[in-house]
PDB file of N, CA and C in Angstrom:
ATOM      1  N   MET A   1      22.121  -3.809  -1.996  1.00  0.00           N
ATOM      2  CA  MET A   1      21.057  -2.853  -2.158  1.00  0.00           C
ATOM      3  C   MET A   1      19.680  -3.529  -2.163  1.00  0.00           C
ATOM      4  N   MET A   2      19.601  -4.674  -2.834  1.00  0.00           N
ATOM      5  CA  MET A   2      18.319  -5.382  -2.879  1.00  0.00           C
ATOM      6  C   MET A   2      17.975  -5.987  -1.518  1.00  0.00           C
ATOM      7  N   GLY A   3      18.993  -6.375  -0.760  1.00  0.00           N
ATOM      8  CA  GLY A   3      18.745  -6.880   0.582  1.00  0.00           C
ATOM      9  C   GLY A   3      18.109  -5.824   1.466  1.00  0.00           C
ATOM     10  N   LEU A   4      18.557  -4.587   1.328  1.00  0.00           N
ATOM     11  CA  LEU A   4      17.965  -3.480   2.078  1.00  0.00           C
ATOM     12  C   LEU A   4      16.511  -3.281   1.666  1.00  0.00           C
ATOM     13  N   MET A   5      16.231  -3.391   0.372  1.00  0.00           N
ATOM     14  CA  MET A   5      14.856  -3.248  -0.100  1.00  0.00           C
ATOM     15  C   MET A   5      13.955  -4.295   0.538  1.00  0.00           C
ATOM     16  N   TRP A   6      14.385  -5.552   0.553  1.00  0.00           N
ATOM     17  CA  TRP A   6      13.550  -6.599   1.129  1.00  0.00           C
ATOM     18  C   TRP A   6      13.373  -6.412   2.631  1.00  0.00           C
ATOM     19  N   TYR A   7      14.418  -5.950   3.297  1.00  0.00           N
ATOM     20  CA  TYR A   7      14.306  -5.674   4.734  1.00  0.00           C
ATOM     21  C   TYR A   7      13.278  -4.572   4.991  1.00  0.00           C
ATOM     22  N   LEU A   8      13.374  -3.475   4.238  1.00  0.00           N
ATOM     23  CA  LEU A   8      12.454  -2.365   4.435  1.00  0.00           C
ATOM     24  C   LEU A   8      11.031  -2.733   4.034  1.00  0.00           C
ATOM     25  N   MET A   9      10.887  -3.574   3.008  1.00  0.00           N
ATOM     26  CA  MET A   9       9.545  -4.010   2.633  1.00  0.00           C
ATOM     27  C   MET A   9       8.949  -4.927   3.699  1.00  0.00           C
ATOM     28  N   GLY A  10       9.763  -5.712   4.336  1.00  0.00           N
ATOM     29  CA  GLY A  10       9.286  -6.529   5.457  1.00  0.00           C
ATOM     30  C   GLY A  10       8.858  -5.666   6.628  1.00  0.00           C
ATOM     31  N   MET A  11       9.633  -4.630   6.908  1.00  0.00           N
ATOM     32  CA  MET A  11       9.255  -3.712   7.983  1.00  0.00           C
ATOM     33  C   MET A  11       7.965  -2.975   7.639  1.00  0.00           C
ATOM     34  N   ALA A  12       7.807  -2.577   6.369  1.00  0.00           N
ATOM     35  CA  ALA A  12       6.579  -1.903   5.940  1.00  0.00           C
ATOM     36  C   ALA A  12       5.382  -2.851   6.027  1.00  0.00           C
ATOM     37  N   THR A  13       5.594  -4.127   5.742  1.00  0.00           N
ATOM     38  CA  THR A  13       4.518  -5.106   5.859  1.00  0.00           C
ATOM     39  C   THR A  13       4.091  -5.259   7.317  1.00  0.00           C
ATOM     40  N   THR A  14       5.050  -5.314   8.212  1.00  0.00           N
ATOM     41  CA  THR A  14       4.732  -5.388   9.638  1.00  0.00           C
ATOM     42  C   THR A  14       3.981  -4.145  10.088  1.00  0.00           C
ATOM     43  N   GLY A  15       4.426  -2.982   9.637  1.00  0.00           N
ATOM     44  CA  GLY A  15       3.734  -1.741   9.973  1.00  0.00           C
ATOM     45  C   GLY A  15       2.323  -1.703   9.402  1.00  0.00           C
ATOM     46  N   ALA A  16       2.136  -2.241   8.203  1.00  0.00           N
ATOM     47  CA  ALA A  16       0.806  -2.271   7.600  1.00  0.00           C
ATOM     48  C   ALA A  16      -0.122  -3.191   8.388  1.00  0.00           C
ATOM     49  N   ILE A  17       0.394  -4.302   8.877  1.00  0.00           N
ATOM     50  CA  ILE A  17      -0.435  -5.209   9.686  1.00  0.00           C
ATOM     51  C   ILE A  17      -0.827  -4.537  10.993  1.00  0.00           C
ATOM     52  N   TRP A  18       0.110  -3.872  11.649  1.00  0.00           N
ATOM     53  CA  TRP A  18      -0.215  -3.142  12.873  1.00  0.00           C
ATOM     54  C   TRP A  18      -1.218  -2.031  12.599  1.00  0.00           C
ATOM     55  N   GLY A  19      -1.053  -1.326  11.482  1.00  0.00           N
ATOM     56  CA  GLY A  19      -1.998  -0.281  11.111  1.00  0.00           C
ATOM     57  C   GLY A  19      -3.383  -0.840  10.844  1.00  0.00           C
ATOM     58  N   TYR A  20      -3.449  -1.990  10.191  1.00  0.00           N
ATOM     59  CA  TYR A  20      -4.734  -2.628   9.933  1.00  0.00           C
ATOM     60  C   TYR A  20      -5.415  -3.013  11.248  1.00  0.00           C
ATOM     61  N   LEU A  21      -4.659  -3.572  12.180  1.00  0.00           N
ATOM     62  CA  LEU A  21      -5.251  -3.955  13.467  1.00  0.00           C
ATOM     63  C   LEU A  21      -5.749  -2.740  14.236  1.00  0.00           C
ATOM     64  N   ALA A  22      -4.996  -1.641  14.207  1.00  0.00           N
ATOM     65  CA  ALA A  22      -5.439  -0.414  14.869  1.00  0.00           C
ATOM     66  C   ALA A  22      -6.679   0.151  14.182  1.00  0.00           C
ATOM     67  N   LEU A  23      -6.715   0.087  12.874  1.00  0.00           N
ATOM     68  CA  LEU A  23      -7.862   0.582  12.115  1.00  0.00           C
ATOM     69  C   LEU A  23      -9.096  -0.265  12.392  1.00  0.00           C
ATOM     70  N   SER A  24      -8.914  -1.565  12.522  1.00  0.00           N
ATOM     71  CA  SER A  24     -10.065  -2.438  12.765  1.00  0.00           C
ATOM     72  C   SER A  24     -10.619  -2.273  14.182  1.00  0.00           C
ATOM     73  N   ARG A  25      -9.814  -1.772  15.103  1.00  0.00           N
ATOM     74  CA  ARG A  25     -10.326  -1.494  16.445  1.00  0.00           C
ATOM     75  C   ARG A  25     -11.168  -0.226  16.467  1.00  0.00           C
ATOM     76  N   ARG A  26     -10.865   0.721  15.610  1.00  0.00           N
ATOM     77  CA  ARG A  26     -11.540   2.014  15.621  1.00  0.00           C
ATOM     78  C   ARG A  26     -12.722   2.070  14.647  1.00  0.00           C
ATOM     79  N   TYR A  27     -12.651   1.319  13.549  1.00  0.00           N
ATOM     80  CA  TYR A  27     -13.691   1.340  12.527  1.00  0.00           C
ATOM     81  C   TYR A  27     -14.202  -0.070  12.286  1.00  0.00           C
ATOM     82  N   ARG A  28     -15.452  -0.162  11.880  1.00  0.00           N
ATOM     83  CA  ARG A  28     -16.047  -1.446  11.525  1.00  0.00           C
ATOM     84  C   ARG A  28     -15.708  -1.709  10.060  1.00  0.00           C
ATOM     85  N   LEU A  29     -14.896  -2.696   9.798  1.00  0.00           N
ATOM     86  CA  LEU A  29     -14.434  -2.978   8.439  1.00  0.00           C
ATOM     87  C   LEU A  29     -15.233  -4.124   7.837  1.00  0.00           C
ATOM     88  N   GLY A  30     -15.922  -3.813   6.752  1.00  0.00           N
ATOM     89  CA  GLY A  30     -16.688  -4.827   6.039  1.00  0.00           C
ATOM     90  C   GLY A  30     -15.815  -5.529   5.011  1.00  0.00           C
ATOM     91  N   ALA A  31     -16.450  -6.360   4.215  1.00  0.00           N
ATOM     92  CA  ALA A  31     -15.718  -7.120   3.197  1.00  0.00           C
ATOM     93  C   ALA A  31     -15.107  -6.201   2.145  1.00  0.00           C
ATOM     94  N   MET A  32     -15.854  -5.193   1.717  1.00  0.00           N
ATOM     95  CA  MET A  32     -15.321  -4.271   0.701  1.00  0.00           C
ATOM     96  C   MET A  32     -14.151  -3.470   1.238  1.00  0.00           C
ATOM     97  N   ALA A  33     -14.197  -3.080   2.505  1.00  0.00           N
ATOM     98  CA  ALA A  33     -13.075  -2.350   3.100  1.00  0.00           C
ATOM     99  C   ALA A  33     -11.842  -3.236   3.170  1.00  0.00           C
ATOM    100  N   ASN A  34     -12.027  -4.500   3.518  1.00  0.00           N
ATOM    101  CA  ASN A  34     -10.886  -5.418   3.575  1.00  0.00           C
ATOM    102  C   ASN A  34     -10.276  -5.647   2.197  1.00  0.00           C
ATOM    103  N   VAL A  35     -11.122  -5.804   1.182  1.00  0.00           N
ATOM    104  CA  VAL A  35     -10.620  -5.991  -0.177  1.00  0.00           C
ATOM    105  C   VAL A  35      -9.881  -4.748  -0.649  1.00  0.00           C
ATOM    106  N   ALA A  36     -10.448  -3.577  -0.383  1.00  0.00           N
ATOM    107  CA  ALA A  36      -9.810  -2.329  -0.799  1.00  0.00           C
ATOM    108  C   ALA A  36      -8.488  -2.103  -0.068  1.00  0.00           C
ATOM    109  N   LEU A  37      -8.445  -2.416   1.217  1.00  0.00           N
ATOM    110  CA  LEU A  37      -7.191  -2.253   1.963  1.00  0.00           C
ATOM    111  C   LEU A  37      -6.128  -3.231   1.480  1.00  0.00           C
ATOM    112  N   PHE A  38      -6.523  -4.460   1.191  1.00  0.00           N
ATOM    113  CA  PHE A  38      -5.563  -5.422   0.667  1.00  0.00           C
ATOM    114  C   PHE A  38      -5.053  -4.995  -0.707  1.00  0.00           C
ATOM    115  N   GLY A  39      -5.959  -4.503  -1.550  1.00  0.00           N
ATOM    116  CA  GLY A  39      -5.550  -4.012  -2.862  1.00  0.00           C
ATOM    117  C   GLY A  39      -4.601  -2.827  -2.765  1.00  0.00           C
ATOM    118  N   THR A  40      -4.877  -1.939  -1.830  1.00  0.00           N
ATOM    119  CA  THR A  40      -3.993  -0.791  -1.607  1.00  0.00           C
ATOM    120  C   THR A  40      -2.620  -1.261  -1.165  1.00  0.00           C
ATOM    121  N   PHE A  41      -2.583  -2.207  -0.245  1.00  0.00           N
ATOM    122  CA  PHE A  41      -1.300  -2.731   0.222  1.00  0.00           C
ATOM    123  C   PHE A  41      -0.549  -3.426  -0.904  1.00  0.00           C
ATOM    124  N   ALA A  42      -1.252  -4.240  -1.684  1.00  0.00           N
ATOM    125  CA  ALA A  42      -0.596  -4.983  -2.771  1.00  0.00           C
ATOM    126  C   ALA A  42      -0.042  -4.037  -3.830  1.00  0.00           C
ATOM    127  N   LEU A  43      -0.800  -3.012  -4.196  1.00  0.00           N
ATOM    128  CA  LEU A  43      -0.304  -2.046  -5.177  1.00  0.00           C
ATOM    129  C   LEU A  43       0.883  -1.255  -4.626  1.00  0.00           C
ATOM    130  N   GLY A  44       0.819  -0.893  -3.359  1.00  0.00           N
ATOM    131  CA  GLY A  44       1.941  -0.171  -2.747  1.00  0.00           C
ATOM    132  C   GLY A  44       3.200  -1.018  -2.694  1.00  0.00           C
ATOM    133  N   TRP A  45       3.036  -2.285  -2.374  1.00  0.00           N
ATOM    134  CA  TRP A  45       4.172  -3.206  -2.328  1.00  0.00           C
ATOM    135  C   TRP A  45       4.773  -3.379  -3.713  1.00  0.00           C
ATOM    136  N   LEU A  46       3.906  -3.508  -4.707  1.00  0.00           N
ATOM    137  CA  LEU A  46       4.357  -3.637  -6.089  1.00  0.00           C
ATOM    138  C   LEU A  46       5.071  -2.370  -6.544  1.00  0.00           C
ATOM    139  N   CYS A  47       4.555  -1.219  -6.155  1.00  0.00           N
ATOM    140  CA  CYS A  47       5.171   0.059  -6.533  1.00  0.00           C
ATOM    141  C   CYS A  47       6.585   0.173  -5.982  1.00  0.00           C
ATOM    142  N   VAL A  48       6.744  -0.130  -4.714  1.00  0.00           N
ATOM    143  CA  VAL A  48       8.071  -0.028  -4.104  1.00  0.00           C
ATOM    144  C   VAL A  48       9.029  -1.055  -4.711  1.00  0.00           C
ATOM    145  N   GLY A  49       8.586  -2.297  -4.847  1.00  0.00           N
ATOM    146  CA  GLY A  49       9.446  -3.342  -5.395  1.00  0.00           C
ATOM    147  C   GLY A  49       9.851  -3.067  -6.829  1.00  0.00           C
ATOM    148  N   TRP A  50       8.902  -2.681  -7.653  1.00  0.00           N
ATOM    149  CA  TRP A  50       9.180  -2.403  -9.062  1.00  0.00           C
ATOM    150  C   TRP A  50      10.138  -1.226  -9.193  1.00  0.00           C
ATOM    151  N   SER A  51       9.831  -0.151  -8.505  1.00  0.00           N
ATOM    152  CA  SER A  51      10.627   1.068  -8.657  1.00  0.00           C
ATOM    153  C   SER A  51      12.035   0.891  -8.110  1.00  0.00           C
ATOM    154  N   TRP A  52      12.156   0.335  -6.913  1.00  0.00           N
ATOM    155  CA  TRP A  52      13.465   0.149  -6.317  1.00  0.00           C
ATOM    156  C   TRP A  52      14.311  -0.794  -7.161  1.00  0.00           C
ATOM    157  N   GLY A  53      13.698  -1.886  -7.604  1.00  0.00           N
ATOM    158  CA  GLY A  53      14.424  -2.836  -8.440  1.00  0.00           C
ATOM    159  C   GLY A  53      14.876  -2.215  -9.755  1.00  0.00           C
ATOM    160  N   SER A  54      14.023  -1.415 -10.355  1.00  0.00           N
ATOM    161  CA  SER A  54      14.385  -0.770 -11.618  1.00  0.00           C
ATOM    162  C   SER A  54      15.518   0.226 -11.431  1.00  0.00           C
ATOM    163  N   PHE A  55      15.449   1.018 -10.363  1.00  0.00           N
ATOM    164  CA  PHE A  55      16.523   1.971 -10.102  1.00  0.00           C
ATOM    165  C   PHE A  55      17.829   1.254  -9.775  1.00  0.00           C
ATOM    166  N   ALA A  56      17.738   0.155  -9.035  1.00  0.00           N
ATOM    167  CA  ALA A  56      18.944  -0.598  -8.682  1.00  0.00           C
ATOM    168  C   ALA A  56      19.578  -1.250  -9.909  1.00  0.00           C
ATOM    169  N   GLU A  57      18.767  -1.629 -10.888  1.00  0.00           N
ATOM    170  CA  GLU A  57      19.283  -2.255 -12.106  1.00  0.00           C
ATOM    171  C   GLU A  57      19.741  -1.238 -13.145  1.00  0.00           C
ATOM    172  N   GLY A  58      19.593   0.039 -12.836  1.00  0.00           N
ATOM    173  CA  GLY A  58      20.042   1.073 -13.760  1.00  0.00           C
ATOM    174  C   GLY A  58      19.034   1.433 -14.832  1.00  0.00           C
ATOM    175  N   GLU A  59      17.765   1.225 -14.553  1.00  0.00           N
ATOM    176  CA  GLU A  59      16.694   1.566 -15.491  1.00  0.00           C
ATOM    177  C   GLU A  59      15.799   2.638 -14.863  1.00  0.00           C
ATOM    178  N   PRO A  60      16.252   3.885 -14.821  1.00  0.00           N
ATOM    179  CA  PRO A  60      15.475   4.911 -14.120  1.00  0.00           C
ATOM    180  C   PRO A  60      14.130   5.226 -14.775  1.00  0.00           C
ATOM    181  N   GLN A  61      14.035   5.078 -16.098  1.00  0.00           N
ATOM    182  CA  GLN A  61      12.765   5.377 -16.753  1.00  0.00           C
ATOM    183  C   GLN A  61      11.702   4.352 -16.356  1.00  0.00           C
ATOM    184  N   SER A  62      12.077   3.102 -16.260  1.00  0.00           N
ATOM    185  CA  SER A  62      11.139   2.073 -15.816  1.00  0.00           C
ATOM    186  C   SER A  62      10.733   2.299 -14.356  1.00  0.00           C
ATOM    187  N   GLY A  63      11.694   2.703 -13.521  1.00  0.00           N
ATOM    188  CA  GLY A  63      11.381   2.983 -12.128  1.00  0.00           C
ATOM    189  C   GLY A  63      10.424   4.154 -11.981  1.00  0.00           C
ATOM    190  N   ALA A  64      10.639   5.192 -12.785  1.00  0.00           N
ATOM    191  CA  ALA A  64       9.748   6.352 -12.722  1.00  0.00           C
ATOM    192  C   ALA A  64       8.341   5.992 -13.198  1.00  0.00           C
ATOM    193  N   MET A  65       8.253   5.176 -14.234  1.00  0.00           N
ATOM    194  CA  MET A  65       6.935   4.750 -14.709  1.00  0.00           C
ATOM    195  C   MET A  65       6.234   3.862 -13.679  1.00  0.00           C
ATOM    196  N   GLY A  66       7.002   3.035 -12.975  1.00  0.00           N
ATOM    197  CA  GLY A  66       6.416   2.236 -11.904  1.00  0.00           C
ATOM    198  C   GLY A  66       5.874   3.102 -10.786  1.00  0.00           C
ATOM    199  N   LEU A  67       6.622   4.157 -10.436  1.00  0.00           N
ATOM    200  CA  LEU A  67       6.137   5.080  -9.413  1.00  0.00           C
ATOM    201  C   LEU A  67       4.863   5.776  -9.861  1.00  0.00           C
ATOM    202  N   ILE A  68       4.831   6.194 -11.111  1.00  0.00           N
ATOM    203  CA  ILE A  68       3.645   6.896 -11.599  1.00  0.00           C
ATOM    204  C   ILE A  68       2.451   5.954 -11.685  1.00  0.00           C
ATOM    205  N   CYS A  69       2.611   4.823 -12.327  1.00  0.00           N
ATOM    206  CA  CYS A  69       1.477   3.911 -12.551  1.00  0.00           C
ATOM    207  C   CYS A  69       0.992   3.274 -11.255  1.00  0.00           C
ATOM    208  N   PHE A  70       1.884   2.639 -10.544  1.00  0.00           N
ATOM    209  CA  PHE A  70       1.477   1.909  -9.346  1.00  0.00           C
ATOM    210  C   PHE A  70       1.300   2.832  -8.141  1.00  0.00           C
ATOM    211  N   GLY A  71       2.149   3.844  -8.012  1.00  0.00           N
ATOM    212  CA  GLY A  71       2.035   4.759  -6.879  1.00  0.00           C
ATOM    213  C   GLY A  71       0.778   5.593  -6.932  1.00  0.00           C
ATOM    214  N   LEU A  72       0.458   6.103  -8.113  1.00  0.00           N
ATOM    215  CA  LEU A  72      -0.765   6.887  -8.260  1.00  0.00           C
ATOM    216  C   LEU A  72      -1.995   6.017  -8.044  1.00  0.00           C
ATOM    217  N   SER A  73      -1.983   4.806  -8.565  1.00  0.00           N
ATOM    218  CA  SER A  73      -3.103   3.882  -8.347  1.00  0.00           C
ATOM    219  C   SER A  73      -3.262   3.559  -6.867  1.00  0.00           C
ATOM    220  N   THR A  74      -2.148   3.417  -6.173  1.00  0.00           N
ATOM    221  CA  THR A  74      -2.197   3.140  -4.734  1.00  0.00           C
ATOM    222  C   THR A  74      -2.841   4.286  -3.980  1.00  0.00           C
ATOM    223  N   MET A  75      -2.426   5.505  -4.290  1.00  0.00           N
ATOM    224  CA  MET A  75      -2.987   6.662  -3.591  1.00  0.00           C
ATOM    225  C   MET A  75      -4.474   6.838  -3.888  1.00  0.00           C
ATOM    226  N   VAL A  76      -4.880   6.661  -5.135  1.00  0.00           N
ATOM    227  CA  VAL A  76      -6.289   6.802  -5.495  1.00  0.00           C
ATOM    228  C   VAL A  76      -7.125   5.737  -4.795  1.00  0.00           C
ATOM    229  N   LEU A  77      -6.667   4.489  -4.798  1.00  0.00           N
ATOM    230  CA  LEU A  77      -7.406   3.424  -4.139  1.00  0.00           C
ATOM    231  C   LEU A  77      -7.479   3.637  -2.629  1.00  0.00           C
ATOM    232  N   ALA A  78      -6.400   4.130  -2.030  1.00  0.00           N
ATOM    233  CA  ALA A  78      -6.404   4.395  -0.583  1.00  0.00           C
ATOM    234  C   ALA A  78      -7.415   5.479  -0.225  1.00  0.00           C
ATOM    235  N   VAL A  79      -7.442   6.550  -0.987  1.00  0.00           N
ATOM    236  CA  VAL A  79      -8.376   7.641  -0.703  1.00  0.00           C
ATOM    237  C   VAL A  79      -9.818   7.199  -0.916  1.00  0.00           C
ATOM    238  N   LEU A  80     -10.074   6.514  -2.021  1.00  0.00           N
ATOM    239  CA  LEU A  80     -11.445   6.064  -2.283  1.00  0.00           C
ATOM    240  C   LEU A  80     -11.928   5.051  -1.255  1.00  0.00           C
ATOM    241  N   SER A  81     -11.060   4.134  -0.843  1.00  0.00           N
ATOM    242  CA  SER A  81     -11.479   3.154   0.165  1.00  0.00           C
ATOM    243  C   SER A  81     -11.718   3.825   1.507  1.00  0.00           C
ATOM    244  N   TRP A  82     -10.920   4.828   1.838  1.00  0.00           N
ATOM    245  CA  TRP A  82     -11.123   5.545   3.106  1.00  0.00           C
ATOM    246  C   TRP A  82     -12.460   6.284   3.076  1.00  0.00           C
ATOM    247  N   ARG A  83     -12.725   6.997   1.994  1.00  0.00           N
ATOM    248  CA  ARG A  83     -13.929   7.819   1.921  1.00  0.00           C
ATOM    249  C   ARG A  83     -15.200   6.993   1.796  1.00  0.00           C
ATOM    250  N   ASN A  84     -15.143   5.857   1.124  1.00  0.00           N
ATOM    251  CA  ASN A  84     -16.364   5.099   0.847  1.00  0.00           C
ATOM    252  C   ASN A  84     -16.607   3.912   1.766  1.00  0.00           C
ATOM    253  N   PHE A  85     -15.563   3.254   2.230  1.00  0.00           N
ATOM    254  CA  PHE A  85     -15.753   2.000   2.967  1.00  0.00           C
ATOM    255  C   PHE A  85     -15.310   2.027   4.425  1.00  0.00           C
ATOM    256  N   ILE A  86     -14.516   3.018   4.823  1.00  0.00           N
ATOM    257  CA  ILE A  86     -13.981   2.984   6.185  1.00  0.00           C
ATOM    258  C   ILE A  86     -14.546   4.118   7.041  1.00  0.00           C
ATOM    259  N   ARG A  87     -14.363   5.357   6.627  1.00  0.00           N
ATOM    260  CA  ARG A  87     -14.757   6.510   7.442  1.00  0.00           C
ATOM    261  C   ARG A  87     -16.241   6.528   7.804  1.00  0.00           C
ATOM    262  N   PRO A  88     -17.159   6.158   6.909  1.00  0.00           N
ATOM    263  CA  PRO A  88     -18.593   6.217   7.298  1.00  0.00           C
ATOM    264  C   PRO A  88     -18.972   5.237   8.405  1.00  0.00           C
ATOM    265  N   PHE A  89     -18.126   4.260   8.713  1.00  0.00           N
ATOM    266  CA  PHE A  89     -18.489   3.221   9.684  1.00  0.00           C
ATOM    267  C   PHE A  89     -17.663   3.304  10.967  1.00  0.00           C
ATOM    268  N   LYS A  90     -17.506   4.508  11.500  1.00  0.00           N
ATOM    269  CA  LYS A  90     -16.743   4.688  12.731  1.00  0.00           C
ATOM    270  C   LYS A  90     -17.514   4.114  13.910  1.00  0.00           C
ATOM    271  N   ARG A  91     -16.790   3.412  14.773  1.00  0.00           N
ATOM    272  CA  ARG A  91     -17.418   2.857  15.977  1.00  0.00           C
ATOM    273  C   ARG A  91     -17.555   3.946  17.017  1.00  0.00           C
ATOM    274  N   ALA A  92     -18.582   3.853  17.811  1.00  0.00           N
ATOM    275  CA  ALA A  92     -18.815   4.871  18.833  1.00  0.00           C
ATOM    276  C   ALA A  92     -17.968   4.688  20.055  1.00  0.00           C
TER     277      ALA A  92
END
């Protein structure tokens, strides 16, 4: 089960890199946008790893708290970084 988690997290990392490259072609990404995107990715990775590991170990309450704490933080950071650092700098 944990092997599947690491495989899927590797695939998600590859997809995130491709998404970042596509985003950087369409938008001008400054230093703050890069920091915010990296933070969003790191929190999302932590959310998936923590939650999946907790559920696999038989600790559903810890997994649910990981989803709430890290998942909600990931979504808030993603939305704020999009609205403040990425969308206003669209390339023509």
